[in-house]
Amino acid sequence: MSQKYGNTKKKPVGRMIAFGALSAALYAALLMNQGTITALFTRGAWYATLPIATAFAISFIHGGFASHFWSVLGVEATKKAVRARKEEKKPIYDRERPQPQPRLRARL
């Protein structure tokens, strides 16, 4: 696109390819070394944190790939400005009902 349309944002094709390759390498390493990984992850104690750390690492890398993938395709989230609005009290019926006035019922 040309500059007169205002869309001069560069697409992150290189980052998408890098994150995609890294994601594929992590998945391949995980699947090719299942026996070793299972033996290491099932030792107990502090080794129990390794599956969680691995899941976070793979999720982060794959999420980066997915984000750049959608950006390359041109799919972006809409950016709405959040404004605080005054809430108006709307009557339940078509016309407002009069509010009852408090009365003092004292006996003398």
C-alpha atoms as a PDB file:
ATOM      1  CA  MET A   1       0.000   0.000   0.000  1.00  0.00           C
ATOM      2  CA  SER A   2       1.109   3.529  -0.533  1.00  0.00           C
ATOM      3  CA  GLN A   3       1.541   6.169   2.120  1.00  0.00           C
ATOM      4  CA  LYS A   4      -1.511   8.148   1.099  1.00  0.00           C
ATOM      5  CA  TYR A   5      -3.745   5.438   2.583  1.00  0.00           C
ATOM      6  CA  GLY A   6      -1.926   5.551   5.921  1.00  0.00           C
ATOM      7  CA  ASN A   7      -1.130   1.834   6.076  1.00  0.00           C
ATOM      8  CA  THR A   8       2.665   1.844   6.228  1.00  0.00           C
ATOM      9  CA  LYS A   9       2.992  -0.732   9.011  1.00  0.00           C
ATOM     10  CA  LYS A  10       5.580  -3.358   8.169  1.00  0.00           C
ATOM     11  CA  LYS A  11       4.487  -6.989   8.486  1.00  0.00           C
ATOM     12  CA  PRO A  12       6.588  -9.166  10.845  1.00  0.00           C
ATOM     13  CA  VAL A  13       7.296 -11.955   8.363  1.00  0.00           C
ATOM     14  CA  GLY A  14      10.846 -12.599   9.644  1.00  0.00           C
ATOM     15  CA  ARG A  15       9.703 -12.839  13.266  1.00  0.00           C
ATOM     16  CA  MET A  16       6.868 -15.157  12.255  1.00  0.00           C
ATOM     17  CA  ILE A  17       9.309 -17.481  10.496  1.00  0.00           C
ATOM     18  CA  ALA A  18      11.750 -17.387  13.440  1.00  0.00           C
ATOM     19  CA  PHE A  19       9.086 -18.129  16.049  1.00  0.00           C
ATOM     20  CA  GLY A  20       7.562 -20.800  13.785  1.00  0.00           C
ATOM     21  CA  ALA A  21      10.907 -22.540  13.322  1.00  0.00           C
ATOM     22  CA  LEU A  22      11.651 -22.356  17.049  1.00  0.00           C
ATOM     23  CA  SER A  23       8.195 -23.697  17.864  1.00  0.00           C
ATOM     24  CA  ALA A  24       8.603 -26.588  15.430  1.00  0.00           C
ATOM     25  CA  ALA A  25      12.062 -27.358  16.863  1.00  0.00           C
ATOM     26  CA  LEU A  26      10.704 -27.454  20.435  1.00  0.00           C
ATOM     27  CA  TYR A  27       7.848 -29.749  19.457  1.00  0.00           C
ATOM     28  CA  ALA A  28      10.237 -32.010  17.495  1.00  0.00           C
ATOM     29  CA  ALA A  29      12.691 -32.185  20.423  1.00  0.00           C
ATOM     30  CA  LEU A  30       9.853 -32.985  22.798  1.00  0.00           C
ATOM     31  CA  LEU A  31       8.447 -35.758  20.623  1.00  0.00           C
ATOM     32  CA  MET A  32      11.829 -37.276  19.677  1.00  0.00           C
ATOM     33  CA  ASN A  33      12.996 -37.523  23.304  1.00  0.00           C
ATOM     34  CA  GLN A  34       9.820 -38.745  24.993  1.00  0.00           C
ATOM     35  CA  GLY A  35      11.525 -41.485  26.990  1.00  0.00           C
ATOM     36  CA  THR A  36      14.244 -39.249  28.393  1.00  0.00           C
ATOM     37  CA  ILE A  37      11.800 -36.465  29.187  1.00  0.00           C
ATOM     38  CA  THR A  38       9.382 -38.840  30.919  1.00  0.00           C
ATOM     39  CA  ALA A  39      12.180 -40.321  33.039  1.00  0.00           C
ATOM     40  CA  LEU A  40      13.420 -36.852  34.020  1.00  0.00           C
ATOM     41  CA  PHE A  41       9.992 -35.347  34.720  1.00  0.00           C
ATOM     42  CA  THR A  42       8.847 -38.245  36.916  1.00  0.00           C
ATOM     43  CA  ARG A  43      11.736 -38.163  39.401  1.00  0.00           C
ATOM     44  CA  GLY A  44       9.763 -36.053  41.858  1.00  0.00           C
ATOM     45  CA  ALA A  45      10.929 -33.287  44.220  1.00  0.00           C
ATOM     46  CA  TRP A  46      12.082 -30.221  42.253  1.00  0.00           C
ATOM     47  CA  TYR A  47      11.925 -32.139  38.967  1.00  0.00           C
ATOM     48  CA  ALA A  48       8.145 -31.767  39.174  1.00  0.00           C
ATOM     49  CA  THR A  49       8.525 -28.128  38.133  1.00  0.00           C
ATOM     50  CA  LEU A  50      10.093 -29.081  34.797  1.00  0.00           C
ATOM     51  CA  PRO A  51       6.801 -29.996  33.048  1.00  0.00           C
ATOM     52  CA  ILE A  52       5.312 -26.655  34.106  1.00  0.00           C
ATOM     53  CA  ALA A  53       8.361 -24.717  32.908  1.00  0.00           C
ATOM     54  CA  THR A  54       8.355 -26.661  29.634  1.00  0.00           C
ATOM     55  CA  ALA A  55       4.665 -25.940  29.090  1.00  0.00           C
ATOM     56  CA  PHE A  56       5.235 -22.216  29.713  1.00  0.00           C
ATOM     57  CA  ALA A  57       8.196 -22.114  27.332  1.00  0.00           C
ATOM     58  CA  ILE A  58       6.366 -23.912  24.522  1.00  0.00           C
ATOM     59  CA  SER A  59       3.251 -21.808  25.092  1.00  0.00           C
ATOM     60  CA  PHE A  60       5.261 -18.573  24.951  1.00  0.00           C
ATOM     61  CA  ILE A  61       7.079 -19.523  21.747  1.00  0.00           C
ATOM     62  CA  HIS A  62       3.960 -20.878  20.038  1.00  0.00           C
ATOM     63  CA  GLY A  63       1.946 -17.811  21.142  1.00  0.00           C
ATOM     64  CA  GLY A  64       4.551 -15.517  19.612  1.00  0.00           C
ATOM     65  CA  PHE A  65       4.340 -17.438  16.358  1.00  0.00           C
ATOM     66  CA  ALA A  66       0.531 -17.312  16.330  1.00  0.00           C
ATOM     67  CA  SER A  67       0.500 -13.577  17.077  1.00  0.00           C
ATOM     68  CA  HIS A  68       2.918 -12.766  14.260  1.00  0.00           C
ATOM     69  CA  PHE A  69       1.088 -15.165  11.930  1.00  0.00           C
ATOM     70  CA  TRP A  70      -2.202 -13.285  12.364  1.00  0.00           C
ATOM     71  CA  SER A  71      -0.416  -9.947  11.995  1.00  0.00           C
ATOM     72  CA  VAL A  72       1.087 -11.060   8.688  1.00  0.00           C
ATOM     73  CA  LEU A  73      -2.379 -12.069   7.489  1.00  0.00           C
ATOM     74  CA  GLY A  74      -3.680  -8.640   8.479  1.00  0.00           C
ATOM     75  CA  VAL A  75      -5.932  -9.735  11.329  1.00  0.00           C
ATOM     76  CA  GLU A  76      -5.627  -7.236  14.162  1.00  0.00           C
ATOM     77  CA  ALA A  77      -7.675  -6.613  17.279  1.00  0.00           C
ATOM     78  CA  THR A  78      -9.932  -3.602  17.262  1.00  0.00           C
ATOM     79  CA  LYS A  79      -8.780  -0.781  19.464  1.00  0.00           C
ATOM     80  CA  LYS A  80     -11.696   0.945  21.125  1.00  0.00           C
ATOM     81  CA  ALA A  81     -11.278   3.948  23.362  1.00  0.00           C
ATOM     82  CA  VAL A  82     -12.778   3.261  26.752  1.00  0.00           C
ATOM     83  CA  ARG A  83     -14.774   6.198  28.064  1.00  0.00           C
ATOM     84  CA  ALA A  84     -16.537   6.516  31.357  1.00  0.00           C
ATOM     85  CA  ARG A  85     -20.204   7.220  30.777  1.00  0.00           C
ATOM     86  CA  LYS A  86     -22.690   8.675  33.177  1.00  0.00           C
ATOM     87  CA  GLU A  87     -25.394   6.213  33.932  1.00  0.00           C
ATOM     88  CA  GLU A  88     -28.834   7.580  33.464  1.00  0.00           C
ATOM     89  CA  LYS A  89     -31.677   6.263  35.535  1.00  0.00           C
ATOM     90  CA  LYS A  90     -34.330   5.032  33.193  1.00  0.00           C
ATOM     91  CA  PRO A  91     -37.886   4.705  34.458  1.00  0.00           C
ATOM     92  CA  ILE A  92     -39.344   1.235  34.576  1.00  0.00           C
ATOM     93  CA  TYR A  93     -42.539   2.411  32.888  1.00  0.00           C
ATOM     94  CA  ASP A  94     -43.161   4.983  30.196  1.00  0.00           C
ATOM     95  CA  ARG A  95     -43.664   7.739  32.754  1.00  0.00           C
ATOM     96  CA  GLU A  96     -41.959   8.192  36.080  1.00  0.00           C
ATOM     97  CA  ARG A  97     -43.941   7.271  39.140  1.00  0.00           C
ATOM     98  CA  PRO A  98     -44.078   9.762  42.016  1.00  0.00           C
ATOM     99  CA  GLN A  99     -42.006   8.812  45.015  1.00  0.00           C
ATOM    100  CA  PRO A 100     -43.960   8.350  48.266  1.00  0.00           C
ATOM    101  CA  GLN A 101     -43.256  11.004  50.875  1.00  0.00           C
ATOM    102  CA  PRO A 102     -42.390   9.904  54.412  1.00  0.00           C
ATOM    103  CA  ARG A 103     -45.180  10.551  56.944  1.00  0.00           C
ATOM    104  CA  LEU A 104     -45.062  10.901  60.673  1.00  0.00           C
ATOM    105  CA  ARG A 105     -47.812   8.947  62.383  1.00  0.00           C
ATOM    106  CA  ALA A 106     -47.519  10.041  65.960  1.00  0.00           C
ATOM    107  CA  ARG A 107     -50.359   9.677  68.443  1.00  0.00           C
ATOM    108  CA  LEU A 108     -50.766  12.283  71.140  1.00  0.00           C
END
